[in-house]
Each structure stands twice: as C-alpha cells, then as structure tokens.
C-alpha cells in the first residue's frame, strides 16, 4: 500500500503546504513566473524508453489519478 493511503498528511505537507509556501514566497518577492514540471509516473510502467509525451495508455502509479485520462 502506498504511503499516501497510509499517511495522507505526508502528501498534504509535501504538496499542498509546500505549494502554498512557494506561491507565498513568489507573492512576497514579486516573482511573476513559475515553471511547472510533471513526472513520468503518469505513464505507469511504460514499455517505450525514453517515453514520448504522447505515449498511451496513461496508467498513473499514484493516488492522484484523475477520473478520466482521455
């Protein structure tokens, strides 16, 4: 079982709280731009390496799966 299921507070601190702190720092320091980088975990165990961005099917290996990847 994944840690996010066992102890969701860990993910709250690492995702929600950490994101808030970054955005608050940006606001206080007049930083206008943020670069977002994703993770290859959306592909699951991809059979093509390196995995292209248009690879399908998307089989996330995270608790944060969206309801519909299509």
PDB file of N, CA and C in Angstrom:
ATOM      1  N   UNK A   1       0.847  -1.185   0.000  1.00  0.00           N
ATOM      2  CA  UNK A   1       0.000   0.000   0.000  1.00  0.00           C
ATOM      3  C   UNK A   1       0.888   1.242   0.000  1.00  0.00           C
ATOM      4  N   UNK A   2       0.503   2.225  -0.769  1.00  0.00           N
ATOM      5  CA  UNK A   2       1.284   3.457  -0.901  1.00  0.00           C
ATOM      6  C   UNK A   2       1.171   4.322   0.365  1.00  0.00           C
ATOM      7  N   UNK A   3       2.234   5.081   0.626  1.00  0.00           N
ATOM      8  CA  UNK A   3       2.283   5.921   1.819  1.00  0.00           C
ATOM      9  C   UNK A   3       1.156   6.953   1.818  1.00  0.00           C
ATOM     10  N   UNK A   4       0.715   7.395   0.640  1.00  0.00           N
ATOM     11  CA  UNK A   4      -0.360   8.389   0.577  1.00  0.00           C
ATOM     12  C   UNK A   4      -1.674   7.852   1.109  1.00  0.00           C
ATOM     13  N   UNK A   5      -1.845   6.551   1.108  1.00  0.00           N
ATOM     14  CA  UNK A   5      -3.051   5.931   1.653  1.00  0.00           C
ATOM     15  C   UNK A   5      -2.889   5.726   3.155  1.00  0.00           C
ATOM     16  N   UNK A   6      -1.694   5.341   3.565  1.00  0.00           N
ATOM     17  CA  UNK A   6      -1.417   5.064   4.975  1.00  0.00           C
ATOM     18  C   UNK A   6      -1.350   6.353   5.796  1.00  0.00           C
ATOM     19  N   UNK A   7      -0.648   7.368   5.259  1.00  0.00           N
ATOM     20  CA  UNK A   7      -0.459   8.615   5.998  1.00  0.00           C
ATOM     21  C   UNK A   7      -0.620   9.805   5.053  1.00  0.00           C
ATOM     22  N   UNK A   8      -1.862  10.209   4.739  1.00  0.00           N
ATOM     23  CA  UNK A   8      -2.085  11.293   3.784  1.00  0.00           C
ATOM     24  C   UNK A   8      -1.504  12.635   4.218  1.00  0.00           C
ATOM     25  N   UNK A   9      -1.202  12.793   5.497  1.00  0.00           N
ATOM     26  CA  UNK A   9      -0.616  14.053   5.959  1.00  0.00           C
ATOM     27  C   UNK A   9       0.745  14.306   5.321  1.00  0.00           C
ATOM     28  N   UNK A  10       1.476  13.248   5.022  1.00  0.00           N
ATOM     29  CA  UNK A  10       2.775  13.395   4.362  1.00  0.00           C
ATOM     30  C   UNK A  10       2.578  14.094   3.020  1.00  0.00           C
ATOM     31  N   UNK A  11       1.613  13.623   2.239  1.00  0.00           N
ATOM     32  CA  UNK A  11       1.372  14.238   0.937  1.00  0.00           C
ATOM     33  C   UNK A  11       0.777  15.630   1.064  1.00  0.00           C
ATOM     34  N   UNK A  12      -0.018  15.862   2.079  1.00  0.00           N
ATOM     35  CA  UNK A  12      -0.528  17.212   2.311  1.00  0.00           C
ATOM     36  C   UNK A  12       0.632  18.173   2.526  1.00  0.00           C
ATOM     37  N   UNK A  13       1.565  17.801   3.398  1.00  0.00           N
ATOM     38  CA  UNK A  13       2.716  18.663   3.681  1.00  0.00           C
ATOM     39  C   UNK A  13       3.612  18.847   2.467  1.00  0.00           C
ATOM     40  N   UNK A  14       3.834  17.777   1.712  1.00  0.00           N
ATOM     41  CA  UNK A  14       4.739  17.842   0.569  1.00  0.00           C
ATOM     42  C   UNK A  14       4.109  18.500  -0.654  1.00  0.00           C
ATOM     43  N   UNK A  15       2.806  18.481  -0.766  1.00  0.00           N
ATOM     44  CA  UNK A  15       2.148  19.020  -1.954  1.00  0.00           C
ATOM     45  C   UNK A  15       1.405  20.311  -1.671  1.00  0.00           C
ATOM     46  N   UNK A  16       0.396  20.264  -0.836  1.00  0.00           N
ATOM     47  CA  UNK A  16      -0.441  21.440  -0.585  1.00  0.00           C
ATOM     48  C   UNK A  16       0.331  22.511   0.174  1.00  0.00           C
ATOM     49  N   UNK A  17       0.881  22.147   1.300  1.00  0.00           N
ATOM     50  CA  UNK A  17       1.596  23.119   2.126  1.00  0.00           C
ATOM     51  C   UNK A  17       2.842  23.643   1.419  1.00  0.00           C
ATOM     52  N   UNK A  18       3.589  22.772   0.775  1.00  0.00           N
ATOM     53  CA  UNK A  18       4.795  23.195   0.056  1.00  0.00           C
ATOM     54  C   UNK A  18       4.430  24.123  -1.100  1.00  0.00           C
ATOM     55  N   UNK A  19       3.360  23.812  -1.821  1.00  0.00           N
ATOM     56  CA  UNK A  19       2.917  24.678  -2.921  1.00  0.00           C
ATOM     57  C   UNK A  19       2.506  26.046  -2.400  1.00  0.00           C
ATOM     58  N   UNK A  20       1.783  26.057  -1.304  1.00  0.00           N
ATOM     59  CA  UNK A  20       1.393  27.332  -0.697  1.00  0.00           C
ATOM     60  C   UNK A  20       2.626  28.161  -0.350  1.00  0.00           C
ATOM     61  N   UNK A  21       3.624  27.538   0.238  1.00  0.00           N
ATOM     62  CA  UNK A  21       4.840  28.272   0.635  1.00  0.00           C
ATOM     63  C   UNK A  21       5.577  28.837  -0.578  1.00  0.00           C
ATOM     64  N   UNK A  22       5.644  28.070  -1.650  1.00  0.00           N
ATOM     65  CA  UNK A  22       6.293  28.566  -2.871  1.00  0.00           C
ATOM     66  C   UNK A  22       5.521  29.759  -3.420  1.00  0.00           C
ATOM     67  N   UNK A  23       4.202  29.624  -3.529  1.00  0.00           N
ATOM     68  CA  UNK A  23       3.392  30.715  -4.069  1.00  0.00           C
ATOM     69  C   UNK A  23       3.432  31.952  -3.169  1.00  0.00           C
ATOM     70  N   UNK A  24       3.428  31.744  -1.891  1.00  0.00           N
ATOM     71  CA  UNK A  24       3.509  32.873  -0.963  1.00  0.00           C
ATOM     72  C   UNK A  24       4.861  33.574  -1.077  1.00  0.00           C
ATOM     73  N   UNK A  25       5.939  32.820  -1.219  1.00  0.00           N
ATOM     74  CA  UNK A  25       7.265  33.402  -1.420  1.00  0.00           C
ATOM     75  C   UNK A  25       7.278  34.230  -2.712  1.00  0.00           C
ATOM     76  N   UNK A  26       6.675  33.672  -3.755  1.00  0.00           N
ATOM     77  CA  UNK A  26       6.619  34.390  -5.028  1.00  0.00           C
ATOM     78  C   UNK A  26       5.847  35.698  -4.879  1.00  0.00           C
ATOM     79  N   UNK A  27       4.721  35.632  -4.187  1.00  0.00           N
ATOM     80  CA  UNK A  27       3.908  36.833  -3.995  1.00  0.00           C
ATOM     81  C   UNK A  27       4.668  37.908  -3.237  1.00  0.00           C
ATOM     82  N   UNK A  28       5.310  37.519  -2.165  1.00  0.00           N
ATOM     83  CA  UNK A  28       6.031  38.478  -1.316  1.00  0.00           C
ATOM     84  C   UNK A  28       7.268  39.063  -1.992  1.00  0.00           C
ATOM     85  N   UNK A  29       7.798  38.366  -2.978  1.00  0.00           N
ATOM     86  CA  UNK A  29       9.021  38.804  -3.636  1.00  0.00           C
ATOM     87  C   UNK A  29       8.790  39.209  -5.097  1.00  0.00           C
ATOM     88  N   UNK A  30       7.539  39.457  -5.441  1.00  0.00           N
ATOM     89  CA  UNK A  30       7.170  39.916  -6.784  1.00  0.00           C
ATOM     90  C   UNK A  30       7.745  39.048  -7.897  1.00  0.00           C
ATOM     91  N   UNK A  31       7.704  37.757  -7.706  1.00  0.00           N
ATOM     92  CA  UNK A  31       8.154  36.815  -8.731  1.00  0.00           C
ATOM     93  C   UNK A  31       6.934  36.473  -9.586  1.00  0.00           C
ATOM     94  N   UNK A  32       7.049  36.679 -10.890  1.00  0.00           N
ATOM     95  CA  UNK A  32       5.896  36.557 -11.772  1.00  0.00           C
ATOM     96  C   UNK A  32       5.738  35.197 -12.429  1.00  0.00           C
ATOM     97  N   UNK A  33       6.799  34.443 -12.570  1.00  0.00           N
ATOM     98  CA  UNK A  33       6.730  33.217 -13.358  1.00  0.00           C
ATOM     99  C   UNK A  33       7.060  31.984 -12.537  1.00  0.00           C
ATOM    100  N   UNK A  34       6.364  30.914 -12.859  1.00  0.00           N
ATOM    101  CA  UNK A  34       6.589  29.625 -12.221  1.00  0.00           C
ATOM    102  C   UNK A  34       6.667  28.582 -13.335  1.00  0.00           C
ATOM    103  N   UNK A  35       7.670  27.744 -13.295  1.00  0.00           N
ATOM    104  CA  UNK A  35       7.804  26.674 -14.275  1.00  0.00           C
ATOM    105  C   UNK A  35       7.271  25.395 -13.652  1.00  0.00           C
ATOM    106  N   UNK A  36       6.319  24.758 -14.333  1.00  0.00           N
ATOM    107  CA  UNK A  36       5.726  23.521 -13.844  1.00  0.00           C
ATOM    108  C   UNK A  36       6.361  22.345 -14.566  1.00  0.00           C
ATOM    109  N   UNK A  37       6.814  21.372 -13.816  1.00  0.00           N
ATOM    110  CA  UNK A  37       7.374  20.153 -14.402  1.00  0.00           C
ATOM    111  C   UNK A  37       6.574  18.962 -13.887  1.00  0.00           C
ATOM    112  N   UNK A  38       6.240  18.074 -14.770  1.00  0.00           N
ATOM    113  CA  UNK A  38       5.470  16.900 -14.403  1.00  0.00           C
ATOM    114  C   UNK A  38       6.418  15.730 -14.160  1.00  0.00           C
ATOM    115  N   UNK A  39       5.842  14.588 -13.911  1.00  0.00           N
ATOM    116  CA  UNK A  39       6.603  13.385 -13.629  1.00  0.00           C
ATOM    117  C   UNK A  39       6.204  12.288 -14.599  1.00  0.00           C
ATOM    118  N   UNK A  40       7.103  11.384 -14.860  1.00  0.00           N
ATOM    119  CA  UNK A  40       6.799  10.272 -15.762  1.00  0.00           C
ATOM    120  C   UNK A  40       5.882   9.241 -15.115  1.00  0.00           C
ATOM    121  N   UNK A  41       5.523   9.423 -13.852  1.00  0.00           N
ATOM    122  CA  UNK A  41       4.640   8.446 -13.205  1.00  0.00           C
ATOM    123  C   UNK A  41       3.259   8.394 -13.834  1.00  0.00           C
ATOM    124  N   UNK A  42       2.883   9.406 -14.634  1.00  0.00           N
ATOM    125  CA  UNK A  42       1.582   9.353 -15.313  1.00  0.00           C
ATOM    126  C   UNK A  42       1.546   8.228 -16.335  1.00  0.00           C
ATOM    127  N   UNK A  43       2.707   7.777 -16.792  1.00  0.00           N
ATOM    128  CA  UNK A  43       2.763   6.714 -17.791  1.00  0.00           C
ATOM    129  C   UNK A  43       2.746   5.323 -17.171  1.00  0.00           C
ATOM    130  N   UNK A  44       2.881   5.226 -15.879  1.00  0.00           N
ATOM    131  CA  UNK A  44       2.952   3.914 -15.245  1.00  0.00           C
ATOM    132  C   UNK A  44       4.250   3.230 -15.630  1.00  0.00           C
ATOM    133  N   UNK A  45       4.187   1.952 -15.865  1.00  0.00           N
ATOM    134  CA  UNK A  45       5.363   1.187 -16.299  1.00  0.00           C
ATOM    135  C   UNK A  45       5.387   1.190 -17.823  1.00  0.00           C
ATOM    136  N   UNK A  46       5.882   2.271 -18.408  1.00  0.00           N
ATOM    137  CA  UNK A  46       5.880   2.419 -19.863  1.00  0.00           C
ATOM    138  C   UNK A  46       6.774   1.379 -20.525  1.00  0.00           C
ATOM    139  N   UNK A  47       6.335   0.930 -21.691  1.00  0.00           N
ATOM    140  CA  UNK A  47       7.128  -0.060 -22.428  1.00  0.00           C
ATOM    141  C   UNK A  47       8.076   0.596 -23.420  1.00  0.00           C
ATOM    142  N   UNK A  48       7.985   1.904 -23.595  1.00  0.00           N
ATOM    143  CA  UNK A  48       8.856   2.646 -24.505  1.00  0.00           C
ATOM    144  C   UNK A  48       9.736   3.587 -23.683  1.00  0.00           C
ATOM    145  N   UNK A  49      11.055   3.410 -23.806  1.00  0.00           N
ATOM    146  CA  UNK A  49      12.011   4.257 -23.081  1.00  0.00           C
ATOM    147  C   UNK A  49      13.007   4.814 -24.092  1.00  0.00           C
ATOM    148  N   UNK A  50      13.255   6.099 -24.199  1.00  0.00           N
ATOM    149  CA  UNK A  50      12.573   7.152 -23.446  1.00  0.00           C
ATOM    150  C   UNK A  50      11.105   7.258 -23.870  1.00  0.00           C
ATOM    151  N   UNK A  51      10.286   7.666 -22.946  1.00  0.00           N
ATOM    152  CA  UNK A  51       8.847   7.709 -23.164  1.00  0.00           C
ATOM    153  C   UNK A  51       8.449   9.058 -23.767  1.00  0.00           C
ATOM    154  N   UNK A  52       7.842   9.057 -24.968  1.00  0.00           N
ATOM    155  CA  UNK A  52       7.415  10.324 -25.567  1.00  0.00           C
ATOM    156  C   UNK A  52       6.197  10.894 -24.829  1.00  0.00           C
ATOM    157  N   UNK A  53       6.004  12.188 -24.940  1.00  0.00           N
ATOM    158  CA  UNK A  53       4.901  12.840 -24.225  1.00  0.00           C
ATOM    159  C   UNK A  53       3.529  12.403 -24.714  1.00  0.00           C
ATOM    160  N   UNK A  54       3.431  11.891 -25.940  1.00  0.00           N
ATOM    161  CA  UNK A  54       2.134  11.453 -26.455  1.00  0.00           C
ATOM    162  C   UNK A  54       1.910   9.948 -26.266  1.00  0.00           C
ATOM    163  N   UNK A  55       2.704   9.328 -25.409  1.00  0.00           N
ATOM    164  CA  UNK A  55       2.603   7.893 -25.127  1.00  0.00           C
ATOM    165  C   UNK A  55       1.255   7.569 -24.484  1.00  0.00           C
ATOM    166  N   UNK A  56       0.675   6.450 -24.899  1.00  0.00           N
ATOM    167  CA  UNK A  56      -0.568   5.955 -24.299  1.00  0.00           C
ATOM    168  C   UNK A  56      -0.456   4.456 -24.129  1.00  0.00           C
ATOM    169  N   UNK A  57      -1.152   3.826 -23.244  1.00  0.00           N
ATOM    170  CA  UNK A  57      -2.131   4.450 -22.353  1.00  0.00           C
ATOM    171  C   UNK A  57      -1.433   5.089 -21.161  1.00  0.00           C
ATOM    172  N   UNK A  58      -2.103   6.065 -20.575  1.00  0.00           N
ATOM    173  CA  UNK A  58      -1.613   6.664 -19.341  1.00  0.00           C
ATOM    174  C   UNK A  58      -2.125   5.817 -18.190  1.00  0.00           C
ATOM    175  N   UNK A  59      -1.226   5.258 -17.433  1.00  0.00           N
ATOM    176  CA  UNK A  59      -1.581   4.418 -16.284  1.00  0.00           C
ATOM    177  C   UNK A  59      -0.830   4.908 -15.058  1.00  0.00           C
ATOM    178  N   UNK A  60      -1.301   6.003 -14.466  1.00  0.00           N
ATOM    179  CA  UNK A  60      -0.589   6.590 -13.331  1.00  0.00           C
ATOM    180  C   UNK A  60      -0.349   5.592 -12.206  1.00  0.00           C
ATOM    181  N   UNK A  61       0.800   5.710 -11.583  1.00  0.00           N
ATOM    182  CA  UNK A  61       1.129   4.863 -10.433  1.00  0.00           C
ATOM    183  C   UNK A  61       1.146   5.731  -9.178  1.00  0.00           C
ATOM    184  N   UNK A  62       0.086   6.524  -9.045  1.00  0.00           N
ATOM    185  CA  UNK A  62      -0.029   7.463  -7.943  1.00  0.00           C
ATOM    186  C   UNK A  62      -1.475   7.505  -7.464  1.00  0.00           C
ATOM    187  N   UNK A  63      -1.665   7.881  -6.228  1.00  0.00           N
ATOM    188  CA  UNK A  63      -3.008   8.038  -5.674  1.00  0.00           C
ATOM    189  C   UNK A  63      -3.750   9.191  -6.338  1.00  0.00           C
ATOM    190  N   UNK A  64      -3.035  10.055  -7.044  1.00  0.00           N
ATOM    191  CA  UNK A  64      -3.622  11.246  -7.623  1.00  0.00           C
ATOM    192  C   UNK A  64      -4.143  11.040  -9.040  1.00  0.00           C
ATOM    193  N   UNK A  65      -4.564   9.847  -9.373  1.00  0.00           N
ATOM    194  CA  UNK A  65      -5.104   9.581 -10.695  1.00  0.00           C
ATOM    195  C   UNK A  65      -6.335  10.435 -10.949  1.00  0.00           C
ATOM    196  N   UNK A  66      -6.402  11.095 -12.097  1.00  0.00           N
ATOM    197  CA  UNK A  66      -7.643  11.774 -12.446  1.00  0.00           C
ATOM    198  C   UNK A  66      -8.716  10.761 -12.799  1.00  0.00           C
ATOM    199  N   UNK A  67      -9.950  11.177 -12.793  1.00  0.00           N
ATOM    200  CA  UNK A  67     -11.040  10.260 -13.111  1.00  0.00           C
ATOM    201  C   UNK A  67     -11.027   9.841 -14.571  1.00  0.00           C
ATOM    202  N   UNK A  68     -10.569  10.728 -15.453  1.00  0.00           N
ATOM    203  CA  UNK A  68     -10.598  10.432 -16.882  1.00  0.00           C
ATOM    204  C   UNK A  68      -9.334  10.959 -17.545  1.00  0.00           C
ATOM    205  N   UNK A  69      -8.519  10.066 -18.057  1.00  0.00           N
ATOM    206  CA  UNK A  69      -7.269  10.465 -18.719  1.00  0.00           C
ATOM    207  C   UNK A  69      -7.446  10.669 -20.203  1.00  0.00           C
ATOM    208  N   UNK A  70      -8.603  10.404 -20.756  1.00  0.00           N
ATOM    209  CA  UNK A  70      -8.786  10.502 -22.217  1.00  0.00           C
ATOM    210  C   UNK A  70      -9.009  11.912 -22.656  1.00  0.00           C
TER     211      UNK A  70
END
